[in-house]
Amino acid sequence: MKLLLSSFAACALLAAAPRAEIIEQILVKVNGEIFTKTDLEQRQVQVLRQRGQQIDLKADAANQQLRKALDEITPQIMVDVVNEMIVVQRGRELGYTLSNEQFNGILDNIKKENKLENDEQFQAALKAEGMTLADLRRQLERQMIRQKVEQNEVLSKIGISDTEARSYYDAHMNEFTTPPSVTLREILATIPADSRGVNVGAEDAAKARIEELRKQATAGGPDNAFEKLAATASDSPSKANGGLIGPISVLDLSPELRKLIEPMTVGQVSQPVRTARGFQLFKLEAKTETHTMPFDQAKEQISERVFTDKRKVEYLKYLEKLRAQAIIEWKNQDVKKAFDEGLKQMAAAATQ
């Protein structure tokens, strides 16, 4: 199967000479609508481009890389193809179409977003993507139909009860809890070192300097303000901000620094601390305690999160129902195996 699937895109991209006649190969029919080998090749190339894969098709090693890439992406492509076909067919049954007015409005937005100032530039952009205006309209219409079907057939029928919201809140309390944080200011006195290591005299000098700075910081007065001393005397890059650090989560502090900071009150200056950087002083600027958002305030967030989870589950159920009702005729067993593998991958992802 791998070699056959891989050859689809490779053959299309490697063809060196035009052929007089092309006989299209049908891979699957879904309720009478066909999906061909050429369609698959186009999807494969599109996915590879989206993944940013640059493959040199002329080199043997690159061809092996291409086959491996196609073996990875084809199962999901085939599941997406069948799902798209049955959803679009359902949308057409419900009478969904893309009007000329809607299409023109979308075109105007596309031109504006891509800064395409005239029709010539727009046509050139389409050509660069290997598309015609008819291709673009068909693609946009199918996208619009899928969205309307999902909204009207699935999403509009999903509700979140207070019981569900409360259960989610109780089970995911950490999502609504903010850990304690602190905002600090620091003053650093570095200890110069040479090739022989730290000089004892230099360490003593740095310690004496930081002790003098602490004496000034705790003496009071505008000239001795901690942030002013940090801006003029600190050796740390934070001096540019008056020694400001944070706010940072208490959980992100080292155990030693947490032990030093936790008993401090706001405005207090620590004793000098010997660190790998030298000697440091810290001032506690602000402190917040652990805060858990009340359930009533968290309900909107909870509804969005539970809704997202339920939407995935309900939409997968809806697709499964449509597939069960559809007449799917496989014309290529290797492609069918890829589709079955894609369903297994989708089920595994949904379980996770």
Protein backbone atom coordinates (compact mmCIF):
# COMPACT_ATOMS: atom_id res chain seq x y z
CA MET A 1 0.00 0.00 0.00
CA LYS A 2 2.76 2.47 0.95
CA LEU A 3 4.51 2.31 -2.38
CA LEU A 4 1.28 2.71 -4.33
CA LEU A 5 0.02 5.63 -2.26
CA SER A 6 3.38 7.34 -2.41
CA SER A 7 3.51 7.03 -6.16
CA PHE A 8 0.36 9.11 -6.65
CA ALA A 9 1.93 12.49 -5.91
CA ALA A 10 5.37 11.45 -7.08
CA CYS A 11 4.08 10.48 -10.52
CA ALA A 12 2.22 13.75 -10.88
CA LEU A 13 5.18 15.87 -9.89
CA LEU A 14 7.86 13.87 -11.66
CA ALA A 15 6.22 13.65 -15.05
CA ALA A 16 8.79 14.96 -17.50
CA ALA A 17 6.80 14.80 -20.71
CA PRO A 18 3.13 15.41 -21.54
CA ARG A 19 1.00 12.40 -22.41
CA ALA A 20 -1.42 12.34 -25.27
CA GLU A 21 -4.19 10.87 -23.14
CA ILE A 22 -4.86 10.81 -19.41
CA ILE A 23 -7.26 8.24 -18.03
CA GLU A 24 -8.51 9.43 -14.64
CA GLN A 25 -8.49 6.85 -11.86
CA ILE A 26 -11.40 6.95 -9.41
CA LEU A 27 -10.37 6.06 -5.87
CA VAL A 28 -13.71 6.28 -4.06
CA LYS A 29 -17.35 7.20 -4.62
CA VAL A 30 -19.31 8.74 -1.77
CA ASN A 31 -23.04 8.83 -2.46
CA GLY A 32 -22.14 8.91 -6.15
CA GLU A 33 -19.63 11.77 -5.85
CA ILE A 34 -16.17 10.73 -7.04
CA PHE A 35 -12.73 11.39 -5.62
CA THR A 36 -9.89 10.73 -8.03
CA LYS A 37 -6.19 10.02 -8.06
CA THR A 38 -5.57 13.58 -9.27
CA ASP A 39 -7.65 14.93 -6.39
CA LEU A 40 -5.54 12.96 -3.93
CA GLU A 41 -2.30 14.15 -5.51
CA GLN A 42 -3.43 17.76 -5.19
CA ARG A 43 -4.30 17.27 -1.53
CA GLN A 44 -0.98 15.58 -0.83
CA VAL A 45 1.00 18.38 -2.43
CA GLN A 46 -1.05 20.99 -0.55
CA VAL A 47 -0.39 19.34 2.82
CA LEU A 48 3.32 19.00 2.10
CA ARG A 49 3.47 22.70 1.25
CA GLN A 50 1.67 23.59 4.46
CA ARG A 51 4.21 21.54 6.40
CA GLY A 52 6.97 23.49 4.72
CA GLN A 53 8.61 20.37 3.37
CA GLN A 54 11.09 20.99 0.60
CA ILE A 55 11.68 17.74 -1.28
CA ASP A 56 14.15 17.24 -4.10
CA LEU A 57 12.26 14.79 -6.28
CA LYS A 58 15.28 14.18 -8.50
CA ALA A 59 17.36 12.54 -5.78
CA ASP A 60 16.80 8.95 -4.63
CA ALA A 61 17.11 9.89 -0.98
CA ALA A 62 14.58 12.66 -1.43
CA ASN A 63 12.17 10.25 -3.13
CA GLN A 64 12.39 8.02 -0.07
CA GLN A 65 11.67 11.05 2.06
CA LEU A 66 8.66 11.84 -0.13
CA ARG A 67 7.26 8.33 0.18
CA LYS A 68 7.66 8.44 3.95
CA ALA A 69 5.92 11.83 4.14
CA LEU A 70 3.03 10.62 1.97
CA ASP A 71 2.59 7.49 4.06
CA GLU A 72 2.22 9.74 7.11
CA ILE A 73 -0.26 12.23 5.68
CA THR A 74 -2.48 10.12 3.39
CA PRO A 75 -4.57 8.42 6.14
CA GLN A 76 -5.66 11.78 7.58
CA ILE A 77 -6.22 13.19 4.10
CA MET A 78 -8.60 10.39 3.18
CA VAL A 79 -10.59 10.74 6.42
CA ASP A 80 -10.85 14.48 5.85
CA VAL A 81 -11.93 13.92 2.24
CA VAL A 82 -14.75 11.52 3.09
CA ASN A 83 -15.91 13.66 6.02
CA GLU A 84 -15.90 16.76 3.86
CA MET A 85 -17.86 15.06 1.09
CA ILE A 86 -20.62 13.77 3.35
CA VAL A 87 -20.93 17.08 5.24
CA VAL A 88 -21.06 19.15 2.04
CA GLN A 89 -23.64 16.74 0.61
CA ARG A 90 -25.72 17.16 3.75
CA GLY A 91 -25.39 20.94 3.45
CA ARG A 92 -26.62 20.86 -0.14
CA GLU A 93 -29.61 18.79 1.01
CA LEU A 94 -30.36 21.60 3.45
CA GLY A 95 -30.11 24.15 0.64
CA TYR A 96 -26.87 25.87 1.66
CA THR A 97 -25.10 27.74 -1.16
CA LEU A 98 -22.64 30.58 -1.56
CA SER A 99 -24.37 33.55 -3.16
CA ASN A 100 -22.66 35.88 -5.63
CA GLU A 101 -22.87 38.67 -3.07
CA GLN A 102 -21.19 36.55 -0.41
CA PHE A 103 -18.50 35.39 -2.82
CA ASN A 104 -17.72 38.93 -3.98
CA GLY A 105 -17.49 40.09 -0.39
CA ILE A 106 -15.00 37.34 0.41
CA LEU A 107 -12.96 38.21 -2.68
CA ASP A 108 -12.78 41.84 -1.58
CA ASN A 109 -11.48 40.76 1.83
CA ILE A 110 -8.91 38.44 0.26
CA LYS A 111 -7.63 41.21 -1.99
CA LYS A 112 -7.46 43.67 0.91
CA GLU A 113 -5.70 41.27 3.29
CA ASN A 114 -3.13 40.32 0.64
CA LYS A 115 -2.75 43.88 -0.67
CA LEU A 116 -3.82 42.93 -4.19
CA GLU A 117 -4.71 46.26 -5.75
CA ASN A 118 -6.18 45.11 -9.07
CA ASP A 119 -7.59 42.07 -10.88
CA GLU A 120 -4.27 41.41 -12.64
CA GLN A 121 -2.48 40.96 -9.34
CA PHE A 122 -5.31 38.81 -8.04
CA GLN A 123 -5.23 36.55 -11.11
CA ALA A 124 -1.45 36.28 -10.81
CA ALA A 125 -1.82 35.21 -7.18
CA LEU A 126 -4.37 32.57 -8.15
CA LYS A 127 -2.08 31.28 -10.90
CA ALA A 128 0.81 31.04 -8.44
CA GLU A 129 -1.37 28.77 -6.30
CA GLY A 130 -2.37 26.72 -9.34
CA MET A 131 -6.00 27.78 -8.99
CA THR A 132 -8.69 29.35 -11.14
CA LEU A 133 -11.46 31.64 -9.93
CA ALA A 134 -13.87 28.72 -10.27
CA ASP A 135 -11.57 26.57 -8.11
CA LEU A 136 -11.49 29.27 -5.45
CA ARG A 137 -15.26 29.66 -5.44
CA ARG A 138 -15.77 25.92 -5.19
CA GLN A 139 -13.32 25.74 -2.28
CA LEU A 140 -14.89 28.68 -0.45
CA GLU A 141 -18.40 27.35 -0.94
CA ARG A 142 -17.50 23.92 0.42
CA GLN A 143 -15.85 25.57 3.41
CA MET A 144 -18.91 27.74 4.07
CA ILE A 145 -21.26 24.78 3.77
CA ARG A 146 -19.23 22.71 6.23
CA GLN A 147 -19.27 25.55 8.77
CA LYS A 148 -23.03 26.04 8.46
CA VAL A 149 -23.72 22.33 8.81
CA GLU A 150 -21.56 22.09 11.91
CA GLN A 151 -23.19 25.17 13.42
CA ASN A 152 -26.80 24.26 12.70
CA GLU A 153 -26.66 20.47 12.99
CA VAL A 154 -24.26 20.14 15.94
CA LEU A 155 -23.21 23.29 17.80
CA SER A 156 -26.67 24.79 18.15
CA LYS A 157 -27.80 21.65 19.95
CA ILE A 158 -25.04 21.64 22.56
CA GLY A 159 -25.80 23.04 26.01
CA ILE A 160 -23.76 23.27 29.22
CA SER A 161 -25.63 22.59 32.46
CA ASP A 162 -24.64 24.04 35.83
CA THR A 163 -23.89 20.52 37.02
CA GLU A 164 -21.41 19.98 34.17
CA ALA A 165 -19.82 23.35 34.82
CA ARG A 166 -19.47 22.66 38.54
CA SER A 167 -17.97 19.21 37.89
CA TYR A 168 -15.39 20.73 35.56
CA TYR A 169 -14.55 23.46 38.09
CA ASP A 170 -14.03 20.94 40.91
CA ALA A 171 -11.88 18.68 38.72
CA HIS A 172 -9.75 21.50 37.27
CA MET A 173 -9.38 23.82 40.24
CA ASN A 174 -5.74 24.44 39.37
CA GLU A 175 -6.80 26.13 36.10
CA PHE A 176 -8.57 28.82 38.12
CA THR A 177 -5.92 29.22 40.83
CA THR A 178 -3.18 31.85 40.62
CA PRO A 179 -0.08 30.99 42.67
CA PRO A 180 1.46 33.59 45.00
CA SER A 181 3.83 36.07 43.36
CA VAL A 182 6.38 38.63 44.45
CA THR A 183 7.90 41.76 42.96
CA LEU A 184 11.43 42.46 44.12
CA ARG A 185 14.21 44.98 43.75
CA GLU A 186 17.83 43.88 43.91
CA ILE A 187 21.26 45.36 44.42
CA LEU A 188 24.24 43.27 43.37
CA ALA A 189 27.87 43.65 44.35
CA THR A 190 29.89 41.35 42.13
CA ILE A 191 33.14 39.73 43.19
CA PRO A 192 35.89 40.09 40.59
CA ALA A 193 37.72 36.85 39.78
CA ASP A 194 40.89 36.05 37.90
CA SER A 195 42.30 32.85 36.43
CA ARG A 196 43.13 31.60 39.92
CA GLY A 197 39.56 32.04 41.15
CA VAL A 198 37.96 34.44 43.61
CA ASN A 199 40.34 36.66 45.53
CA VAL A 200 39.61 36.64 49.27
CA GLY A 201 40.32 40.34 49.51
CA ALA A 202 37.90 41.08 46.64
CA GLU A 203 35.19 39.03 48.35
CA ASP A 204 35.65 40.88 51.61
CA ALA A 205 35.49 44.20 49.77
CA ALA A 206 32.26 43.22 48.00
CA LYS A 207 30.73 42.11 51.31
CA ALA A 208 31.68 45.38 52.99
CA ARG A 209 30.22 47.30 50.06
CA ILE A 210 26.87 45.48 50.14
CA GLU A 211 26.62 45.92 53.92
CA GLU A 212 27.17 49.66 53.52
CA LEU A 213 24.50 49.80 50.81
CA ARG A 214 22.06 47.98 53.09
CA LYS A 215 22.84 50.44 55.87
CA GLN A 216 22.02 53.32 53.52
CA ALA A 217 18.86 51.63 52.19
CA THR A 218 17.46 51.11 55.69
CA ALA A 219 18.43 54.54 56.93
CA GLY A 220 15.62 56.22 55.04
CA GLY A 221 15.48 59.46 53.09
CA PRO A 222 15.11 60.16 49.38
CA ASP A 223 18.83 59.87 48.68
CA ASN A 224 18.89 56.40 50.23
CA ALA A 225 15.84 55.03 48.42
CA PHE A 226 16.49 51.43 47.45
CA GLU A 227 15.66 51.94 43.79
CA LYS A 228 17.98 54.96 43.60
CA LEU A 229 20.82 53.00 45.18
CA ALA A 230 20.12 50.11 42.78
CA ALA A 231 20.23 52.48 39.80
CA THR A 232 23.55 54.02 40.82
CA ALA A 233 25.46 51.31 42.70
CA SER A 234 24.21 47.88 41.58
CA ASP A 235 26.29 45.70 39.25
CA SER A 236 23.19 43.91 37.91
CA PRO A 237 21.62 44.70 34.50
CA SER A 238 18.39 45.32 36.44
CA LYS A 239 19.90 48.64 37.57
CA ALA A 240 18.38 50.13 34.43
CA ASN A 241 14.95 49.59 36.06
CA GLY A 242 16.00 50.55 39.58
CA GLY A 243 16.72 46.89 40.36
CA LEU A 244 13.14 45.82 39.60
CA ILE A 245 12.48 42.08 39.17
CA GLY A 246 9.04 40.58 38.53
CA PRO A 247 6.35 40.04 39.32
CA ILE A 248 7.38 36.40 39.42
CA SER A 249 5.66 33.32 40.81
CA VAL A 250 6.95 32.20 44.20
CA LEU A 251 7.05 28.70 42.71
CA ASP A 252 9.70 29.90 40.23
CA LEU A 253 12.08 31.07 42.95
CA SER A 254 14.99 28.92 44.03
CA PRO A 255 14.40 27.16 47.37
CA GLU A 256 17.05 29.36 49.02
CA LEU A 257 15.55 32.62 47.73
CA ARG A 258 12.02 31.48 48.58
CA LYS A 259 13.12 30.74 52.14
CA LEU A 260 14.57 34.26 52.35
CA ILE A 261 11.61 36.08 50.79
CA GLU A 262 8.56 34.31 52.26
CA PRO A 263 8.86 35.71 55.82
CA MET A 264 9.55 39.26 54.60
CA THR A 265 6.93 42.00 54.67
CA VAL A 266 6.37 44.49 51.85
CA GLY A 267 9.00 47.25 52.00
CA GLN A 268 11.47 45.16 53.99
CA VAL A 269 15.12 44.84 52.89
CA SER A 270 16.84 41.48 53.28
CA GLN A 271 20.18 40.76 54.85
CA PRO A 272 23.07 40.42 52.36
CA VAL A 273 23.01 37.07 50.58
CA ARG A 274 26.03 35.33 49.07
CA THR A 275 25.12 33.95 45.64
CA ALA A 276 27.01 32.75 42.58
CA ARG A 277 26.83 36.32 41.27
CA GLY A 278 28.34 37.92 44.37
CA PHE A 279 26.51 39.56 47.29
CA GLN A 280 22.89 40.63 46.86
CA LEU A 281 20.28 42.64 48.68
CA PHE A 282 16.58 42.23 48.03
CA LYS A 283 13.67 44.52 48.81
CA LEU A 284 10.15 43.13 48.73
CA GLU A 285 8.13 45.59 46.63
CA ALA A 286 4.84 43.71 46.41
CA LYS A 287 3.34 40.35 47.28
CA THR A 288 0.18 38.54 46.23
CA GLU A 289 -1.29 35.48 47.91
CA THR A 290 -2.69 32.36 46.28
CA HIS A 291 -6.02 33.24 44.67
CA THR A 292 -8.72 30.92 43.40
CA MET A 293 -11.34 32.43 41.11
CA PRO A 294 -14.85 31.84 42.52
CA PHE A 295 -17.10 29.50 40.55
CA ASP A 296 -19.53 32.27 39.58
CA GLN A 297 -16.69 34.29 38.03
CA ALA A 298 -15.20 31.23 36.31
CA LYS A 299 -18.47 30.02 34.75
CA GLU A 300 -17.95 31.78 31.42
CA GLN A 301 -14.47 30.33 31.00
CA ILE A 302 -15.73 26.91 32.06
CA SER A 303 -18.58 27.03 29.56
CA GLU A 304 -16.13 27.78 26.73
CA ARG A 305 -13.81 24.94 27.71
CA VAL A 306 -16.55 22.37 28.27
CA PHE A 307 -18.26 23.49 25.07
CA THR A 308 -15.04 22.99 23.12
CA ASP A 309 -14.66 19.46 24.46
CA LYS A 310 -18.31 18.60 23.83
CA ARG A 311 -18.18 20.08 20.33
CA LYS A 312 -15.35 17.74 19.38
CA VAL A 313 -17.16 14.72 20.76
CA GLU A 314 -20.54 15.58 19.26
CA TYR A 315 -19.11 16.48 15.87
CA LEU A 316 -17.23 13.18 15.70
CA LYS A 317 -20.49 11.39 16.54
CA TYR A 318 -22.27 13.36 13.83
CA LEU A 319 -19.62 12.44 11.24
CA GLU A 320 -19.82 8.80 12.26
CA LYS A 321 -23.59 8.90 11.77
CA LEU A 322 -23.28 10.45 8.30
CA ARG A 323 -20.64 7.90 7.28
CA ALA A 324 -22.90 5.07 8.43
CA GLN A 325 -25.73 6.44 6.29
CA ALA A 326 -23.53 7.08 3.24
CA ILE A 327 -22.91 4.72 0.34
CA ILE A 328 -19.12 4.56 0.15
CA GLU A 329 -17.72 2.58 -2.77
CA TRP A 330 -13.97 2.01 -2.64
CA LYS A 331 -12.27 1.54 -6.00
CA ASN A 332 -8.77 1.20 -4.59
CA GLN A 333 -8.12 -1.05 -1.61
CA ASP A 334 -4.81 0.58 -0.70
CA VAL A 335 -6.54 3.92 -0.35
CA LYS A 336 -9.28 2.28 1.71
CA LYS A 337 -6.62 0.88 4.05
CA ALA A 338 -5.23 4.37 4.42
CA PHE A 339 -8.73 5.63 5.27
CA ASP A 340 -9.21 2.90 7.89
CA GLU A 341 -5.84 3.78 9.41
CA GLY A 342 -6.89 7.42 9.52
CA LEU A 343 -10.07 6.50 11.42
CA LYS A 344 -7.98 4.60 13.97
CA GLN A 345 -5.71 7.61 14.43
CA MET A 346 -8.70 9.92 14.84
CA ALA A 347 -10.28 7.62 17.45
CA ALA A 348 -7.01 7.43 19.38
CA ALA A 349 -6.66 11.22 19.35
CA ALA A 350 -10.25 11.64 20.54
CA THR A 351 -9.62 9.24 23.44
CA GLN A 352 -6.55 11.19 24.51
